[in-house]
């Protein structure tokens, strides 16, 4: 029974956050089957991520910056970005800027949920520890997904000559902030919470701002406004 409770606590934050961001789509909700497909693709990329990370540890070692910015953040964000670009970016259902956020959050939370379950099963953890991970690593992945998806949506609906630069932002910005987050957790052993809590508040503030701006750019918002006139 305790194991079941811990597993539920490991899975629940991912589904709760996915529901939150899915419902933030104000004008044209995405097909649920496609959102869940991206969520489960997030499950699947855990395996190649672990293999590549293990190879890089053997090759490059585990220096603090290499570990945080390349082996952890770099590989995870790059593989998520590749899946999003090839499976979603050119999809017909990606028809408004906010859709980038929905799909990027979905794949990020799929990855984070598996990571959380593996952590719970491989460590002697308490129920509260798993919930704390829901507040930090799982929500962190969701907010990195917001960053990635926001710029993917911006690139998708921007003129061609600007879109490539914005596409690069969609990878580099979450990569950088994910690296900063991991570096703090791996290297500041005392009083780390004084750094992480303000950083998470900054992520949430910026993330909700991106949610608002992406919705505001929706072409369906314009149609809805005209329909009310």
C-alpha atoms as a PDB file:
ATOM      1  CA  UNK A   1       0.000   0.000   0.000  1.00  0.00           C
ATOM      2  CA  UNK A   2       2.851   2.395   0.834  1.00  0.00           C
ATOM      3  CA  UNK A   3       4.536   1.629  -2.512  1.00  0.00           C
ATOM      4  CA  UNK A   4       1.258   2.314  -4.328  1.00  0.00           C
ATOM      5  CA  UNK A   5       0.896   5.652  -2.510  1.00  0.00           C
ATOM      6  CA  UNK A   6       4.458   6.641  -3.391  1.00  0.00           C
ATOM      7  CA  UNK A   7       3.918   5.742  -7.067  1.00  0.00           C
ATOM      8  CA  UNK A   8       0.703   7.777  -7.166  1.00  0.00           C
ATOM      9  CA  UNK A   9       2.580  10.702  -5.595  1.00  0.00           C
ATOM     10  CA  UNK A  10       5.301  10.310  -8.257  1.00  0.00           C
ATOM     11  CA  UNK A  11       2.824  10.307 -11.151  1.00  0.00           C
ATOM     12  CA  UNK A  12       0.222  12.805  -9.920  1.00  0.00           C
ATOM     13  CA  UNK A  13       2.254  16.053 -10.284  1.00  0.00           C
ATOM     14  CA  UNK A  14       2.936  15.385 -13.967  1.00  0.00           C
ATOM     15  CA  UNK A  15      -0.730  14.807 -14.801  1.00  0.00           C
ATOM     16  CA  UNK A  16      -1.832  17.737 -12.645  1.00  0.00           C
ATOM     17  CA  UNK A  17       0.551  20.157 -14.353  1.00  0.00           C
ATOM     18  CA  UNK A  18      -0.323  18.814 -17.802  1.00  0.00           C
ATOM     19  CA  UNK A  19      -4.019  19.384 -17.051  1.00  0.00           C
ATOM     20  CA  UNK A  20      -3.270  22.912 -15.807  1.00  0.00           C
ATOM     21  CA  UNK A  21      -1.441  23.969 -18.962  1.00  0.00           C
ATOM     22  CA  UNK A  22      -3.862  22.135 -21.257  1.00  0.00           C
ATOM     23  CA  UNK A  23      -6.790  24.056 -19.765  1.00  0.00           C
ATOM     24  CA  UNK A  24      -4.925  27.337 -20.217  1.00  0.00           C
ATOM     25  CA  UNK A  25      -5.512  27.011 -23.978  1.00  0.00           C
ATOM     26  CA  UNK A  26      -8.335  29.551 -24.235  1.00  0.00           C
ATOM     27  CA  UNK A  27      -9.368  29.478 -27.871  1.00  0.00           C
ATOM     28  CA  UNK A  28      -8.731  26.144 -29.603  1.00  0.00           C
ATOM     29  CA  UNK A  29      -7.913  23.154 -27.400  1.00  0.00           C
ATOM     30  CA  UNK A  30      -5.580  20.549 -28.877  1.00  0.00           C
ATOM     31  CA  UNK A  31      -6.750  16.981 -29.607  1.00  0.00           C
ATOM     32  CA  UNK A  32      -6.293  15.081 -26.375  1.00  0.00           C
ATOM     33  CA  UNK A  33      -4.923  11.999 -28.145  1.00  0.00           C
ATOM     34  CA  UNK A  34      -2.125  14.087 -29.685  1.00  0.00           C
ATOM     35  CA  UNK A  35      -1.234  15.697 -26.340  1.00  0.00           C
ATOM     36  CA  UNK A  36      -1.127  12.261 -24.686  1.00  0.00           C
ATOM     37  CA  UNK A  37       0.995  10.956 -27.577  1.00  0.00           C
ATOM     38  CA  UNK A  38       3.595  13.633 -26.818  1.00  0.00           C
ATOM     39  CA  UNK A  39       3.354  12.824 -23.102  1.00  0.00           C
ATOM     40  CA  UNK A  40       4.128   9.158 -23.797  1.00  0.00           C
ATOM     41  CA  UNK A  41       6.908  10.070 -26.226  1.00  0.00           C
ATOM     42  CA  UNK A  42       8.383  11.873 -23.222  1.00  0.00           C
ATOM     43  CA  UNK A  43       8.310   8.490 -21.459  1.00  0.00           C
ATOM     44  CA  UNK A  44      10.183   6.858 -24.327  1.00  0.00           C
ATOM     45  CA  UNK A  45      13.029   9.338 -24.696  1.00  0.00           C
ATOM     46  CA  UNK A  46      14.169   8.554 -21.151  1.00  0.00           C
ATOM     47  CA  UNK A  47      16.020   5.489 -22.488  1.00  0.00           C
ATOM     48  CA  UNK A  48      18.109   7.231 -25.190  1.00  0.00           C
ATOM     49  CA  UNK A  49      18.747  10.122 -22.784  1.00  0.00           C
ATOM     50  CA  UNK A  50      20.156   7.730 -20.181  1.00  0.00           C
ATOM     51  CA  UNK A  51      22.320   5.912 -22.758  1.00  0.00           C
ATOM     52  CA  UNK A  52      23.776   9.131 -24.199  1.00  0.00           C
ATOM     53  CA  UNK A  53      24.340  10.624 -20.749  1.00  0.00           C
ATOM     54  CA  UNK A  54      26.152   7.509 -19.592  1.00  0.00           C
ATOM     55  CA  UNK A  55      28.397   7.605 -22.653  1.00  0.00           C
ATOM     56  CA  UNK A  56      29.205  11.291 -22.101  1.00  0.00           C
ATOM     57  CA  UNK A  57      30.037  10.678 -18.425  1.00  0.00           C
ATOM     58  CA  UNK A  58      32.529   7.985 -19.465  1.00  0.00           C
ATOM     59  CA  UNK A  59      33.982  10.223 -22.173  1.00  0.00           C
ATOM     60  CA  UNK A  60      33.974  13.661 -20.505  1.00  0.00           C
ATOM     61  CA  UNK A  61      33.827  12.910 -16.799  1.00  0.00           C
ATOM     62  CA  UNK A  62      31.530  14.621 -14.316  1.00  0.00           C
ATOM     63  CA  UNK A  63      32.803  18.185 -13.916  1.00  0.00           C
ATOM     64  CA  UNK A  64      30.180  20.494 -12.443  1.00  0.00           C
ATOM     65  CA  UNK A  65      29.528  22.613 -15.550  1.00  0.00           C
ATOM     66  CA  UNK A  66      29.804  19.690 -17.968  1.00  0.00           C
ATOM     67  CA  UNK A  67      27.410  17.641 -15.861  1.00  0.00           C
ATOM     68  CA  UNK A  68      24.822  20.380 -15.374  1.00  0.00           C
ATOM     69  CA  UNK A  69      24.881  22.181 -18.717  1.00  0.00           C
ATOM     70  CA  UNK A  70      25.861  19.442 -21.202  1.00  0.00           C
ATOM     71  CA  UNK A  71      25.192  15.966 -19.837  1.00  0.00           C
ATOM     72  CA  UNK A  72      21.969  16.802 -18.014  1.00  0.00           C
ATOM     73  CA  UNK A  73      20.327  19.910 -19.481  1.00  0.00           C
ATOM     74  CA  UNK A  74      21.896  19.718 -22.933  1.00  0.00           C
ATOM     75  CA  UNK A  75      20.940  16.130 -23.759  1.00  0.00           C
ATOM     76  CA  UNK A  76      17.471  16.275 -22.206  1.00  0.00           C
ATOM     77  CA  UNK A  77      16.401  19.542 -23.815  1.00  0.00           C
ATOM     78  CA  UNK A  78      17.923  18.664 -27.206  1.00  0.00           C
ATOM     79  CA  UNK A  79      16.127  15.329 -27.488  1.00  0.00           C
ATOM     80  CA  UNK A  80      12.817  16.898 -26.426  1.00  0.00           C
ATOM     81  CA  UNK A  81      13.323  19.647 -29.012  1.00  0.00           C
ATOM     82  CA  UNK A  82      14.109  17.157 -31.797  1.00  0.00           C
ATOM     83  CA  UNK A  83      10.949  15.142 -31.084  1.00  0.00           C
ATOM     84  CA  UNK A  84       8.825  18.292 -31.010  1.00  0.00           C
ATOM     85  CA  UNK A  85      10.293  19.641 -34.227  1.00  0.00           C
ATOM     86  CA  UNK A  86       9.869  16.448 -36.240  1.00  0.00           C
ATOM     87  CA  UNK A  87       6.527  15.267 -34.821  1.00  0.00           C
ATOM     88  CA  UNK A  88       4.669  18.505 -34.063  1.00  0.00           C
ATOM     89  CA  UNK A  89       6.181  21.633 -35.590  1.00  0.00           C
ATOM     90  CA  UNK A  90       4.800  20.962 -39.080  1.00  0.00           C
ATOM     91  CA  UNK A  91       1.624  19.206 -37.886  1.00  0.00           C
ATOM     92  CA  UNK A  92      -1.722  20.623 -39.052  1.00  0.00           C
ATOM     93  CA  UNK A  93      -2.975  20.805 -35.461  1.00  0.00           C
ATOM     94  CA  UNK A  94      -0.167  23.216 -34.561  1.00  0.00           C
ATOM     95  CA  UNK A  95      -2.294  26.156 -35.675  1.00  0.00           C
ATOM     96  CA  UNK A  96      -1.810  28.803 -32.974  1.00  0.00           C
ATOM     97  CA  UNK A  97       1.176  29.959 -30.871  1.00  0.00           C
ATOM     98  CA  UNK A  98      -0.066  28.446 -27.596  1.00  0.00           C
ATOM     99  CA  UNK A  99      -0.025  24.958 -29.129  1.00  0.00           C
ATOM    100  CA  UNK A 100       3.764  24.959 -28.874  1.00  0.00           C
ATOM    101  CA  UNK A 101       3.471  25.342 -25.108  1.00  0.00           C
ATOM    102  CA  UNK A 102       0.904  22.531 -24.790  1.00  0.00           C
ATOM    103  CA  UNK A 103       2.995  20.003 -26.709  1.00  0.00           C
ATOM    104  CA  UNK A 104       6.345  21.023 -25.198  1.00  0.00           C
ATOM    105  CA  UNK A 105       4.909  20.822 -21.679  1.00  0.00           C
ATOM    106  CA  UNK A 106       3.413  17.411 -22.514  1.00  0.00           C
ATOM    107  CA  UNK A 107       6.702  15.850 -23.641  1.00  0.00           C
ATOM    108  CA  UNK A 108       8.593  17.514 -20.773  1.00  0.00           C
ATOM    109  CA  UNK A 109       6.152  16.177 -18.179  1.00  0.00           C
ATOM    110  CA  UNK A 110       6.197  12.706 -19.720  1.00  0.00           C
ATOM    111  CA  UNK A 111       9.951  12.674 -19.281  1.00  0.00           C
ATOM    112  CA  UNK A 112       9.772  14.153 -15.763  1.00  0.00           C
ATOM    113  CA  UNK A 113       7.101  11.661 -14.657  1.00  0.00           C
ATOM    114  CA  UNK A 114       9.205   8.653 -15.618  1.00  0.00           C
ATOM    115  CA  UNK A 115      12.224  10.262 -13.980  1.00  0.00           C
ATOM    116  CA  UNK A 116      10.190  10.771 -10.799  1.00  0.00           C
ATOM    117  CA  UNK A 117       8.901   7.173 -10.793  1.00  0.00           C
ATOM    118  CA  UNK A 118      12.410   5.782 -11.322  1.00  0.00           C
ATOM    119  CA  UNK A 119      13.696   7.951  -8.457  1.00  0.00           C
ATOM    120  CA  UNK A 120      10.902   6.748  -6.160  1.00  0.00           C
ATOM    121  CA  UNK A 121      11.511   3.081  -6.999  1.00  0.00           C
ATOM    122  CA  UNK A 122      15.308   3.180  -6.751  1.00  0.00           C
ATOM    123  CA  UNK A 123      15.591   5.119  -3.495  1.00  0.00           C
ATOM    124  CA  UNK A 124      14.269   4.748   0.014  1.00  0.00           C
ATOM    125  CA  UNK A 125      11.935   7.726  -0.196  1.00  0.00           C
ATOM    126  CA  UNK A 126       8.984   8.964   1.809  1.00  0.00           C
ATOM    127  CA  UNK A 127       5.664  10.207   0.455  1.00  0.00           C
ATOM    128  CA  UNK A 128       6.612  13.809   1.279  1.00  0.00           C
ATOM    129  CA  UNK A 129       9.928  13.530  -0.589  1.00  0.00           C
ATOM    130  CA  UNK A 130       8.149  12.515  -3.779  1.00  0.00           C
ATOM    131  CA  UNK A 131       5.702  15.398  -3.423  1.00  0.00           C
ATOM    132  CA  UNK A 132       8.627  17.799  -2.950  1.00  0.00           C
ATOM    133  CA  UNK A 133      10.089  16.515  -6.213  1.00  0.00           C
ATOM    134  CA  UNK A 134       6.744  17.355  -7.786  1.00  0.00           C
ATOM    135  CA  UNK A 135       7.155  20.950  -6.662  1.00  0.00           C
ATOM    136  CA  UNK A 136      10.756  21.227  -7.895  1.00  0.00           C
ATOM    137  CA  UNK A 137      12.068  18.901 -10.660  1.00  0.00           C
ATOM    138  CA  UNK A 138       8.676  18.041 -12.182  1.00  0.00           C
ATOM    139  CA  UNK A 139       7.393  21.615 -12.251  1.00  0.00           C
ATOM    140  CA  UNK A 140      10.855  22.689 -13.396  1.00  0.00           C
ATOM    141  CA  UNK A 141      10.578  20.428 -16.448  1.00  0.00           C
ATOM    142  CA  UNK A 142       7.088  21.809 -17.132  1.00  0.00           C
ATOM    143  CA  UNK A 143       8.409  25.376 -17.080  1.00  0.00           C
ATOM    144  CA  UNK A 144      11.366  24.518 -19.313  1.00  0.00           C
ATOM    145  CA  UNK A 145       8.702  23.123 -21.628  1.00  0.00           C
ATOM    146  CA  UNK A 146       6.832  26.426 -21.485  1.00  0.00           C
ATOM    147  CA  UNK A 147      10.005  28.245 -22.543  1.00  0.00           C
ATOM    148  CA  UNK A 148      10.645  25.836 -25.396  1.00  0.00           C
ATOM    149  CA  UNK A 149       7.044  25.769 -26.575  1.00  0.00           C
ATOM    150  CA  UNK A 150       6.603  29.525 -26.419  1.00  0.00           C
ATOM    151  CA  UNK A 151       9.492  30.141 -28.797  1.00  0.00           C
ATOM    152  CA  UNK A 152       8.457  27.239 -31.047  1.00  0.00           C
ATOM    153  CA  UNK A 153       5.029  28.844 -31.340  1.00  0.00           C
ATOM    154  CA  UNK A 154       6.584  32.235 -31.962  1.00  0.00           C
ATOM    155  CA  UNK A 155       8.848  30.806 -34.677  1.00  0.00           C
ATOM    156  CA  UNK A 156       5.984  28.921 -36.331  1.00  0.00           C
ATOM    157  CA  UNK A 157       3.963  32.100 -36.852  1.00  0.00           C
ATOM    158  CA  UNK A 158       6.817  34.492 -37.641  1.00  0.00           C
ATOM    159  CA  UNK A 159       8.136  35.461 -41.063  1.00  0.00           C
ATOM    160  CA  UNK A 160      10.616  32.956 -42.454  1.00  0.00           C
ATOM    161  CA  UNK A 161      13.739  35.109 -42.160  1.00  0.00           C
ATOM    162  CA  UNK A 162      13.193  35.573 -38.409  1.00  0.00           C
ATOM    163  CA  UNK A 163      11.876  32.119 -37.571  1.00  0.00           C
ATOM    164  CA  UNK A 164      15.243  30.333 -37.653  1.00  0.00           C
ATOM    165  CA  UNK A 165      16.685  32.632 -35.010  1.00  0.00           C
ATOM    166  CA  UNK A 166      13.611  32.138 -32.806  1.00  0.00           C
ATOM    167  CA  UNK A 167      13.806  28.371 -33.339  1.00  0.00           C
ATOM    168  CA  UNK A 168      17.343  28.509 -31.971  1.00  0.00           C
ATOM    169  CA  UNK A 169      16.016  30.388 -28.920  1.00  0.00           C
ATOM    170  CA  UNK A 170      13.481  27.582 -28.381  1.00  0.00           C
ATOM    171  CA  UNK A 171      16.379  25.214 -27.735  1.00  0.00           C
ATOM    172  CA  UNK A 172      19.020  27.427 -26.140  1.00  0.00           C
ATOM    173  CA  UNK A 173      16.859  29.283 -23.580  1.00  0.00           C
ATOM    174  CA  UNK A 174      15.412  26.198 -21.798  1.00  0.00           C
ATOM    175  CA  UNK A 175      18.823  24.525 -22.113  1.00  0.00           C
ATOM    176  CA  UNK A 176      20.503  27.449 -20.319  1.00  0.00           C
ATOM    177  CA  UNK A 177      17.968  27.738 -17.492  1.00  0.00           C
ATOM    178  CA  UNK A 178      17.823  23.967 -17.021  1.00  0.00           C
ATOM    179  CA  UNK A 179      21.612  24.018 -16.688  1.00  0.00           C
ATOM    180  CA  UNK A 180      21.472  26.814 -14.119  1.00  0.00           C
ATOM    181  CA  UNK A 181      18.851  24.892 -12.117  1.00  0.00           C
ATOM    182  CA  UNK A 182      20.862  21.652 -12.165  1.00  0.00           C
ATOM    183  CA  UNK A 183      24.131  23.422 -11.338  1.00  0.00           C
ATOM    184  CA  UNK A 184      22.597  24.974  -8.222  1.00  0.00           C
ATOM    185  CA  UNK A 185      21.210  21.644  -7.000  1.00  0.00           C
ATOM    186  CA  UNK A 186      24.461  19.776  -7.673  1.00  0.00           C
ATOM    187  CA  UNK A 187      26.917  22.332  -6.290  1.00  0.00           C
ATOM    188  CA  UNK A 188      25.274  24.400  -3.555  1.00  0.00           C
ATOM    189  CA  UNK A 189      24.822  21.954  -0.711  1.00  0.00           C
ATOM    190  CA  UNK A 190      24.064  24.448   2.061  1.00  0.00           C
ATOM    191  CA  UNK A 191      21.165  26.892   1.803  1.00  0.00           C
ATOM    192  CA  UNK A 192      20.376  25.707  -1.739  1.00  0.00           C
ATOM    193  CA  UNK A 193      16.710  26.422  -1.107  1.00  0.00           C
ATOM    194  CA  UNK A 194      17.479  30.171  -0.897  1.00  0.00           C
ATOM    195  CA  UNK A 195      18.579  29.996  -4.530  1.00  0.00           C
ATOM    196  CA  UNK A 196      16.064  27.501  -5.907  1.00  0.00           C
ATOM    197  CA  UNK A 197      12.878  29.061  -4.518  1.00  0.00           C
ATOM    198  CA  UNK A 198      13.495  32.532  -6.053  1.00  0.00           C
ATOM    199  CA  UNK A 199      14.559  30.836  -9.301  1.00  0.00           C
ATOM    200  CA  UNK A 200      11.344  28.774  -9.399  1.00  0.00           C
ATOM    201  CA  UNK A 201       9.240  31.854  -8.665  1.00  0.00           C
ATOM    202  CA  UNK A 202      11.004  33.598 -11.556  1.00  0.00           C
ATOM    203  CA  UNK A 203      10.272  30.615 -13.812  1.00  0.00           C
ATOM    204  CA  UNK A 204       6.590  30.619 -12.823  1.00  0.00           C
ATOM    205  CA  UNK A 205       6.265  34.363 -13.275  1.00  0.00           C
ATOM    206  CA  UNK A 206       7.919  34.225 -16.695  1.00  0.00           C
ATOM    207  CA  UNK A 207       6.066  31.055 -17.668  1.00  0.00           C
ATOM    208  CA  UNK A 208       2.611  32.430 -16.902  1.00  0.00           C
ATOM    209  CA  UNK A 209       3.543  35.599 -18.785  1.00  0.00           C
ATOM    210  CA  UNK A 210       4.426  33.476 -21.819  1.00  0.00           C
ATOM    211  CA  UNK A 211       1.117  31.622 -21.490  1.00  0.00           C
ATOM    212  CA  UNK A 212      -0.737  34.946 -21.544  1.00  0.00           C
ATOM    213  CA  UNK A 213       1.210  36.329 -24.510  1.00  0.00           C
ATOM    214  CA  UNK A 214       0.887  33.125 -26.552  1.00  0.00           C
ATOM    215  CA  UNK A 215      -2.884  33.076 -26.047  1.00  0.00           C
ATOM    216  CA  UNK A 216      -3.073  36.749 -26.950  1.00  0.00           C
ATOM    217  CA  UNK A 217      -1.447  36.003 -30.328  1.00  0.00           C
ATOM    218  CA  UNK A 218      -3.979  33.308 -31.226  1.00  0.00           C
ATOM    219  CA  UNK A 219      -5.713  33.859 -34.583  1.00  0.00           C
ATOM    220  CA  UNK A 220      -8.786  32.227 -33.022  1.00  0.00           C
ATOM    221  CA  UNK A 221      -8.898  35.048 -30.482  1.00  0.00           C
ATOM    222  CA  UNK A 222      -9.308  37.502 -33.341  1.00  0.00           C
ATOM    223  CA  UNK A 223     -12.087  35.385 -34.855  1.00  0.00           C
ATOM    224  CA  UNK A 224     -13.844  35.091 -31.514  1.00  0.00           C
ATOM    225  CA  UNK A 225     -13.615  38.847 -30.957  1.00  0.00           C
ATOM    226  CA  UNK A 226     -15.089  39.537 -34.395  1.00  0.00           C
ATOM    227  CA  UNK A 227     -17.848  37.011 -33.769  1.00  0.00           C
ATOM    228  CA  UNK A 228     -18.899  38.919 -30.656  1.00  0.00           C
ATOM    229  CA  UNK A 229     -19.183  42.230 -32.552  1.00  0.00           C
END
